[in-house]
Amino acid sequence: MLYLNDSRDQQKQATARAWISALAEHDLIVISPQVMNEFAYNVLRKFPEVTQAQLQRFLMAMMPWCKATMTSQISLDALAVHVRYRFSFFDSTMIAAALAYGCDVFLTEDLASGQRIGDLTILNPFSTAIEAVITN
């Protein structure tokens, strides 16, 4: 999500926009509140030129996609993911939420692409073709 408006790397920005467009067209975007929290944290830290009003608009645009919940059980499940796979706890919370929601694919550049956790496959959107995920 962060690359959508980050013009410092135009290739990643274009790829991120293509992914979001394709996923949105097929109603396949699912995020958790943790995604929104980390997005806001990183925007505030890395992009001081972004105003509070702009950040609020970005977060509001993400709200329809915020379908995976964060519950106390997901926190416990995240701890199990963290211990087993040695991911950061925050990555583990997003993975646990995706698993609980029933997602098949988890897009991130921060974890090993192709790795499977239960029925969830981690893919790097910058090295994976959109067509590998979206089939008409």
N, C-alpha and C. Protein backbone atom coordinates (compact mmCIF):
# COMPACT_ATOMS: atom_id res chain seq x y z
N MET A 1 0.81 -1.19 0.00
CA MET A 1 0.00 0.00 0.00
C MET A 1 0.86 1.26 0.00
N LEU A 2 1.99 1.18 0.68
CA LEU A 2 2.84 2.35 0.82
C LEU A 2 3.36 2.84 -0.52
N TYR A 3 3.61 1.92 -1.44
CA TYR A 3 4.18 2.31 -2.73
C TYR A 3 3.18 3.00 -3.66
N LEU A 4 1.91 2.93 -3.36
CA LEU A 4 0.91 3.53 -4.24
C LEU A 4 1.16 5.01 -4.49
N ASN A 5 1.60 5.71 -3.47
CA ASN A 5 1.80 7.15 -3.57
C ASN A 5 3.26 7.56 -3.40
N ASP A 6 4.17 6.61 -3.43
CA ASP A 6 5.59 6.89 -3.26
C ASP A 6 6.26 6.96 -4.63
N SER A 7 6.53 8.17 -5.08
CA SER A 7 7.10 8.35 -6.41
C SER A 7 8.62 8.20 -6.43
N ARG A 8 9.22 7.88 -5.29
CA ARG A 8 10.68 7.71 -5.25
C ARG A 8 11.13 6.48 -6.04
N ASP A 9 10.28 5.47 -6.13
CA ASP A 9 10.56 4.28 -6.92
C ASP A 9 9.38 4.08 -7.86
N GLN A 10 9.50 4.67 -9.04
CA GLN A 10 8.37 4.68 -9.96
C GLN A 10 8.00 3.29 -10.47
N GLN A 11 8.97 2.39 -10.57
CA GLN A 11 8.66 1.02 -11.01
C GLN A 11 7.78 0.32 -9.97
N LYS A 12 8.16 0.42 -8.69
CA LYS A 12 7.36 -0.21 -7.64
C LYS A 12 6.00 0.48 -7.52
N GLN A 13 5.97 1.78 -7.72
CA GLN A 13 4.70 2.50 -7.67
C GLN A 13 3.77 1.99 -8.77
N ALA A 14 4.28 1.85 -9.98
CA ALA A 14 3.46 1.36 -11.09
C ALA A 14 2.99 -0.07 -10.84
N THR A 15 3.87 -0.91 -10.31
CA THR A 15 3.50 -2.29 -10.01
C THR A 15 2.44 -2.34 -8.93
N ALA A 16 2.62 -1.55 -7.87
CA ALA A 16 1.63 -1.51 -6.78
C ALA A 16 0.27 -1.05 -7.30
N ARG A 17 0.28 -0.04 -8.14
CA ARG A 17 -0.99 0.46 -8.69
C ARG A 17 -1.66 -0.60 -9.57
N ALA A 18 -0.86 -1.33 -10.35
CA ALA A 18 -1.42 -2.38 -11.20
C ALA A 18 -2.05 -3.49 -10.35
N TRP A 19 -1.36 -3.90 -9.29
CA TRP A 19 -1.89 -4.92 -8.40
C TRP A 19 -3.20 -4.46 -7.76
N ILE A 20 -3.19 -3.26 -7.18
CA ILE A 20 -4.39 -2.76 -6.50
C ILE A 20 -5.56 -2.67 -7.47
N SER A 21 -5.29 -2.16 -8.66
CA SER A 21 -6.33 -2.04 -9.67
C SER A 21 -6.92 -3.40 -10.03
N ALA A 22 -6.06 -4.37 -10.29
CA ALA A 22 -6.52 -5.71 -10.68
C ALA A 22 -7.26 -6.39 -9.53
N LEU A 23 -6.71 -6.30 -8.32
CA LEU A 23 -7.37 -6.93 -7.18
C LEU A 23 -8.70 -6.27 -6.86
N ALA A 24 -8.75 -4.95 -6.95
CA ALA A 24 -10.00 -4.24 -6.68
C ALA A 24 -11.06 -4.58 -7.72
N GLU A 25 -10.64 -4.69 -8.97
CA GLU A 25 -11.57 -5.04 -10.05
C GLU A 25 -12.24 -6.38 -9.80
N HIS A 26 -11.51 -7.29 -9.17
CA HIS A 26 -12.06 -8.64 -8.88
C HIS A 26 -12.53 -8.77 -7.42
N ASP A 27 -12.59 -7.66 -6.71
CA ASP A 27 -13.00 -7.64 -5.30
C ASP A 27 -12.21 -8.65 -4.46
N LEU A 28 -10.90 -8.60 -4.61
CA LEU A 28 -10.03 -9.56 -3.93
C LEU A 28 -9.13 -8.94 -2.86
N ILE A 29 -9.33 -7.68 -2.55
CA ILE A 29 -8.47 -7.04 -1.55
C ILE A 29 -9.06 -7.26 -0.17
N VAL A 30 -8.25 -7.83 0.71
CA VAL A 30 -8.62 -8.02 2.10
C VAL A 30 -7.43 -7.56 2.94
N ILE A 31 -7.69 -6.61 3.82
CA ILE A 31 -6.65 -6.18 4.75
C ILE A 31 -7.23 -6.23 6.16
N SER A 32 -6.35 -6.09 7.13
CA SER A 32 -6.76 -6.04 8.53
C SER A 32 -6.44 -4.65 9.08
N PRO A 33 -6.95 -4.32 10.24
CA PRO A 33 -6.59 -3.03 10.84
C PRO A 33 -5.08 -2.88 11.02
N GLN A 34 -4.38 -3.99 11.20
CA GLN A 34 -2.92 -3.93 11.34
C GLN A 34 -2.27 -3.34 10.09
N VAL A 35 -2.80 -3.65 8.92
CA VAL A 35 -2.27 -3.09 7.67
C VAL A 35 -2.46 -1.57 7.67
N MET A 36 -3.64 -1.13 8.09
CA MET A 36 -3.89 0.31 8.14
C MET A 36 -2.98 0.98 9.17
N ASN A 37 -2.79 0.35 10.30
CA ASN A 37 -1.92 0.91 11.34
C ASN A 37 -0.48 1.04 10.86
N GLU A 38 0.03 0.01 10.24
CA GLU A 38 1.41 0.06 9.76
C GLU A 38 1.56 1.04 8.61
N PHE A 39 0.54 1.14 7.76
CA PHE A 39 0.56 2.13 6.69
C PHE A 39 0.67 3.52 7.30
N ALA A 40 -0.20 3.84 8.24
CA ALA A 40 -0.19 5.17 8.87
C ALA A 40 1.14 5.43 9.57
N TYR A 41 1.64 4.46 10.29
CA TYR A 41 2.92 4.60 10.99
C TYR A 41 4.04 4.94 10.01
N ASN A 42 4.10 4.21 8.92
CA ASN A 42 5.18 4.43 7.94
C ASN A 42 5.02 5.74 7.18
N VAL A 43 3.80 6.13 6.88
CA VAL A 43 3.60 7.43 6.23
C VAL A 43 4.05 8.54 7.17
N LEU A 44 3.65 8.47 8.43
CA LEU A 44 4.04 9.50 9.39
C LEU A 44 5.55 9.56 9.58
N ARG A 45 6.20 8.42 9.52
CA ARG A 45 7.65 8.35 9.75
C ARG A 45 8.46 8.72 8.51
N LYS A 46 8.02 8.28 7.33
CA LYS A 46 8.83 8.43 6.13
C LYS A 46 8.43 9.59 5.23
N PHE A 47 7.21 10.09 5.39
CA PHE A 47 6.70 11.12 4.49
C PHE A 47 6.13 12.29 5.28
N PRO A 48 6.99 13.09 5.87
CA PRO A 48 6.50 14.20 6.69
C PRO A 48 5.70 15.24 5.90
N GLU A 49 5.85 15.22 4.58
CA GLU A 49 5.11 16.18 3.75
C GLU A 49 3.63 15.81 3.61
N VAL A 50 3.26 14.58 3.97
CA VAL A 50 1.86 14.15 3.89
C VAL A 50 1.12 14.77 5.07
N THR A 51 0.05 15.48 4.76
CA THR A 51 -0.72 16.14 5.81
C THR A 51 -1.63 15.13 6.51
N GLN A 52 -2.12 15.55 7.67
CA GLN A 52 -3.04 14.70 8.41
C GLN A 52 -4.30 14.45 7.58
N ALA A 53 -4.76 15.46 6.87
CA ALA A 53 -5.96 15.31 6.04
C ALA A 53 -5.71 14.31 4.91
N GLN A 54 -4.53 14.35 4.30
CA GLN A 54 -4.20 13.40 3.24
C GLN A 54 -4.15 11.99 3.79
N LEU A 55 -3.48 11.82 4.93
CA LEU A 55 -3.38 10.50 5.54
C LEU A 55 -4.76 9.98 5.90
N GLN A 56 -5.60 10.84 6.41
CA GLN A 56 -6.97 10.43 6.74
C GLN A 56 -7.71 9.96 5.49
N ARG A 57 -7.53 10.66 4.36
CA ARG A 57 -8.18 10.24 3.11
C ARG A 57 -7.66 8.88 2.65
N PHE A 58 -6.33 8.66 2.77
CA PHE A 58 -5.76 7.36 2.40
C PHE A 58 -6.39 6.25 3.25
N LEU A 59 -6.46 6.48 4.57
CA LEU A 59 -7.01 5.47 5.46
C LEU A 59 -8.48 5.22 5.17
N MET A 60 -9.23 6.27 4.91
CA MET A 60 -10.65 6.12 4.60
C MET A 60 -10.84 5.34 3.29
N ALA A 61 -9.93 5.54 2.33
CA ALA A 61 -10.02 4.79 1.07
C ALA A 61 -9.75 3.31 1.29
N MET A 62 -8.98 2.97 2.32
CA MET A 62 -8.66 1.58 2.62
C MET A 62 -9.78 0.88 3.40
N MET A 63 -10.62 1.64 4.03
CA MET A 63 -11.64 1.05 4.92
C MET A 63 -12.51 -0.02 4.29
N PRO A 64 -12.98 0.13 3.05
CA PRO A 64 -13.81 -0.94 2.48
C PRO A 64 -13.08 -2.28 2.35
N TRP A 65 -11.77 -2.23 2.30
CA TRP A 65 -10.97 -3.46 2.17
C TRP A 65 -10.65 -4.08 3.52
N CYS A 66 -10.92 -3.37 4.59
CA CYS A 66 -10.57 -3.84 5.94
C CYS A 66 -11.64 -4.84 6.39
N LYS A 67 -11.46 -6.07 5.94
CA LYS A 67 -12.45 -7.13 6.18
C LYS A 67 -11.95 -8.16 7.20
N ALA A 68 -10.64 -8.31 7.30
CA ALA A 68 -10.07 -9.27 8.24
C ALA A 68 -9.96 -8.60 9.61
N THR A 69 -10.57 -9.21 10.58
CA THR A 69 -10.63 -8.60 11.90
C THR A 69 -9.38 -8.91 12.73
N MET A 70 -9.22 -8.12 13.78
CA MET A 70 -8.18 -8.38 14.77
C MET A 70 -8.90 -8.70 16.08
N THR A 71 -8.70 -9.90 16.56
CA THR A 71 -9.34 -10.34 17.80
C THR A 71 -8.28 -10.85 18.74
N SER A 72 -8.68 -11.13 19.95
CA SER A 72 -7.75 -11.70 20.92
C SER A 72 -7.24 -13.06 20.44
N GLN A 73 -8.10 -13.84 19.78
CA GLN A 73 -7.66 -15.15 19.26
C GLN A 73 -6.63 -14.97 18.17
N ILE A 74 -6.80 -13.96 17.32
CA ILE A 74 -5.81 -13.72 16.27
C ILE A 74 -4.47 -13.32 16.88
N SER A 75 -4.50 -12.59 17.99
CA SER A 75 -3.24 -12.27 18.67
C SER A 75 -2.54 -13.54 19.15
N LEU A 76 -3.31 -14.48 19.67
CA LEU A 76 -2.73 -15.76 20.11
C LEU A 76 -2.22 -16.56 18.91
N ASP A 77 -3.00 -16.57 17.84
CA ASP A 77 -2.57 -17.27 16.62
C ASP A 77 -1.31 -16.63 16.05
N ALA A 78 -1.23 -15.30 16.13
CA ALA A 78 -0.05 -14.57 15.64
C ALA A 78 1.19 -14.98 16.42
N LEU A 79 1.03 -15.18 17.71
CA LEU A 79 2.17 -15.62 18.52
C LEU A 79 2.66 -16.98 18.04
N ALA A 80 1.75 -17.88 17.73
CA ALA A 80 2.13 -19.20 17.21
C ALA A 80 2.86 -19.08 15.87
N VAL A 81 2.38 -18.21 14.99
CA VAL A 81 3.05 -17.97 13.70
C VAL A 81 4.43 -17.40 13.94
N HIS A 82 4.52 -16.45 14.84
CA HIS A 82 5.80 -15.81 15.16
C HIS A 82 6.82 -16.84 15.67
N VAL A 83 6.40 -17.68 16.58
CA VAL A 83 7.31 -18.67 17.15
C VAL A 83 7.73 -19.70 16.11
N ARG A 84 6.79 -20.17 15.32
CA ARG A 84 7.09 -21.23 14.35
C ARG A 84 7.93 -20.74 13.17
N TYR A 85 7.59 -19.55 12.64
CA TYR A 85 8.23 -19.08 11.41
C TYR A 85 9.26 -17.98 11.63
N ARG A 86 9.33 -17.47 12.85
CA ARG A 86 10.30 -16.42 13.18
C ARG A 86 10.06 -15.11 12.43
N PHE A 87 8.81 -14.87 12.04
CA PHE A 87 8.45 -13.59 11.44
C PHE A 87 8.32 -12.57 12.57
N SER A 88 8.37 -11.29 12.22
CA SER A 88 8.11 -10.27 13.24
C SER A 88 6.69 -10.50 13.76
N PHE A 89 6.45 -10.05 14.97
CA PHE A 89 5.11 -10.25 15.53
C PHE A 89 4.07 -9.49 14.71
N PHE A 90 4.43 -8.30 14.22
CA PHE A 90 3.46 -7.52 13.45
C PHE A 90 3.14 -8.19 12.12
N ASP A 91 4.14 -8.77 11.44
CA ASP A 91 3.86 -9.55 10.23
C ASP A 91 2.99 -10.76 10.59
N SER A 92 3.30 -11.37 11.71
CA SER A 92 2.53 -12.54 12.16
C SER A 92 1.08 -12.21 12.43
N THR A 93 0.79 -11.01 12.93
CA THR A 93 -0.62 -10.64 13.17
C THR A 93 -1.37 -10.50 11.85
N MET A 94 -0.70 -9.95 10.85
CA MET A 94 -1.36 -9.82 9.54
C MET A 94 -1.59 -11.19 8.91
N ILE A 95 -0.62 -12.08 9.06
CA ILE A 95 -0.76 -13.44 8.52
C ILE A 95 -1.87 -14.19 9.26
N ALA A 96 -1.91 -14.08 10.58
CA ALA A 96 -2.96 -14.75 11.36
C ALA A 96 -4.34 -14.23 10.97
N ALA A 97 -4.45 -12.93 10.74
CA ALA A 97 -5.74 -12.36 10.32
C ALA A 97 -6.12 -12.86 8.93
N ALA A 98 -5.15 -12.95 8.03
CA ALA A 98 -5.42 -13.46 6.68
C ALA A 98 -5.85 -14.92 6.74
N LEU A 99 -5.19 -15.72 7.56
CA LEU A 99 -5.57 -17.12 7.71
C LEU A 99 -6.99 -17.24 8.27
N ALA A 100 -7.30 -16.45 9.28
CA ALA A 100 -8.62 -16.51 9.90
C ALA A 100 -9.70 -16.09 8.91
N TYR A 101 -9.40 -15.17 8.03
CA TYR A 101 -10.37 -14.72 7.04
C TYR A 101 -10.53 -15.73 5.90
N GLY A 102 -9.53 -16.59 5.73
CA GLY A 102 -9.59 -17.59 4.66
C GLY A 102 -8.89 -17.17 3.38
N CYS A 103 -7.97 -16.24 3.49
CA CYS A 103 -7.24 -15.79 2.30
C CYS A 103 -6.34 -16.91 1.77
N ASP A 104 -6.15 -16.91 0.46
CA ASP A 104 -5.26 -17.88 -0.19
C ASP A 104 -3.87 -17.32 -0.42
N VAL A 105 -3.78 -16.00 -0.60
CA VAL A 105 -2.53 -15.34 -0.96
C VAL A 105 -2.29 -14.17 -0.02
N PHE A 106 -1.03 -14.00 0.35
CA PHE A 106 -0.60 -12.88 1.19
C PHE A 106 0.52 -12.17 0.44
N LEU A 107 0.26 -10.94 0.02
CA LEU A 107 1.24 -10.19 -0.77
C LEU A 107 2.13 -9.34 0.12
N THR A 108 3.44 -9.55 0.02
CA THR A 108 4.41 -8.77 0.76
C THR A 108 5.78 -8.94 0.12
N GLU A 109 6.58 -7.90 0.20
CA GLU A 109 7.96 -8.02 -0.27
C GLU A 109 8.89 -8.34 0.89
N ASP A 110 8.33 -8.42 2.11
CA ASP A 110 9.16 -8.58 3.30
C ASP A 110 9.40 -10.03 3.72
N LEU A 111 8.70 -10.97 3.12
CA LEU A 111 8.85 -12.38 3.50
C LEU A 111 9.18 -13.20 2.26
N ALA A 112 9.60 -14.44 2.46
CA ALA A 112 10.03 -15.30 1.36
C ALA A 112 8.86 -15.65 0.44
N SER A 113 8.97 -15.23 -0.81
CA SER A 113 7.94 -15.51 -1.79
C SER A 113 7.86 -17.01 -2.06
N GLY A 114 6.63 -17.52 -2.10
CA GLY A 114 6.41 -18.94 -2.35
C GLY A 114 6.22 -19.75 -1.08
N GLN A 115 6.55 -19.19 0.06
CA GLN A 115 6.41 -19.91 1.32
C GLN A 115 4.92 -20.11 1.61
N ARG A 116 4.59 -21.28 2.17
CA ARG A 116 3.21 -21.58 2.51
C ARG A 116 3.06 -21.70 4.02
N ILE A 117 1.97 -21.14 4.50
CA ILE A 117 1.59 -21.26 5.90
C ILE A 117 0.15 -21.75 5.89
N GLY A 118 -0.03 -23.01 6.17
CA GLY A 118 -1.36 -23.60 6.02
C GLY A 118 -1.78 -23.50 4.57
N ASP A 119 -2.95 -22.94 4.33
CA ASP A 119 -3.47 -22.78 2.96
C ASP A 119 -3.07 -21.44 2.35
N LEU A 120 -2.27 -20.67 3.06
CA LEU A 120 -1.89 -19.32 2.63
C LEU A 120 -0.52 -19.35 1.96
N THR A 121 -0.42 -18.76 0.76
CA THR A 121 0.85 -18.66 0.05
C THR A 121 1.32 -17.22 0.08
N ILE A 122 2.55 -17.03 0.50
CA ILE A 122 3.15 -15.69 0.53
C ILE A 122 3.76 -15.43 -0.84
N LEU A 123 3.43 -14.29 -1.43
CA LEU A 123 3.98 -13.91 -2.73
C LEU A 123 4.49 -12.48 -2.69
N ASN A 124 5.60 -12.25 -3.37
CA ASN A 124 6.14 -10.92 -3.52
C ASN A 124 5.49 -10.29 -4.75
N PRO A 125 4.71 -9.22 -4.58
CA PRO A 125 4.02 -8.65 -5.73
C PRO A 125 4.97 -8.02 -6.76
N PHE A 126 6.22 -7.78 -6.37
CA PHE A 126 7.17 -7.16 -7.28
C PHE A 126 7.96 -8.19 -8.09
N SER A 127 7.73 -9.47 -7.78
CA SER A 127 8.38 -10.51 -8.57
C SER A 127 7.40 -11.59 -9.02
N THR A 128 6.11 -11.33 -8.84
CA THR A 128 5.06 -12.27 -9.22
C THR A 128 4.11 -11.57 -10.19
N ALA A 129 3.79 -12.25 -11.27
CA ALA A 129 2.84 -11.70 -12.24
C ALA A 129 1.43 -11.71 -11.66
N ILE A 130 0.70 -10.67 -11.93
CA ILE A 130 -0.69 -10.58 -11.46
C ILE A 130 -1.49 -11.79 -11.94
N GLU A 131 -1.21 -12.23 -13.17
CA GLU A 131 -1.95 -13.36 -13.74
C GLU A 131 -1.72 -14.66 -12.97
N ALA A 132 -0.66 -14.74 -12.18
CA ALA A 132 -0.42 -15.92 -11.35
C ALA A 132 -1.42 -16.02 -10.21
N VAL A 133 -2.04 -14.90 -9.86
CA VAL A 133 -2.98 -14.87 -8.75
C VAL A 133 -4.42 -14.72 -9.25
N ILE A 134 -4.59 -13.88 -10.24
CA ILE A 134 -5.94 -13.60 -10.74
C ILE A 134 -6.14 -14.33 -12.05
N THR A 135 -7.05 -15.26 -12.01
CA THR A 135 -7.43 -15.96 -13.24
C THR A 135 -8.89 -15.65 -13.51
N ASN A 136 -9.18 -15.30 -14.72
CA ASN A 136 -10.56 -14.90 -15.06
C ASN A 136 -11.45 -16.06 -15.22
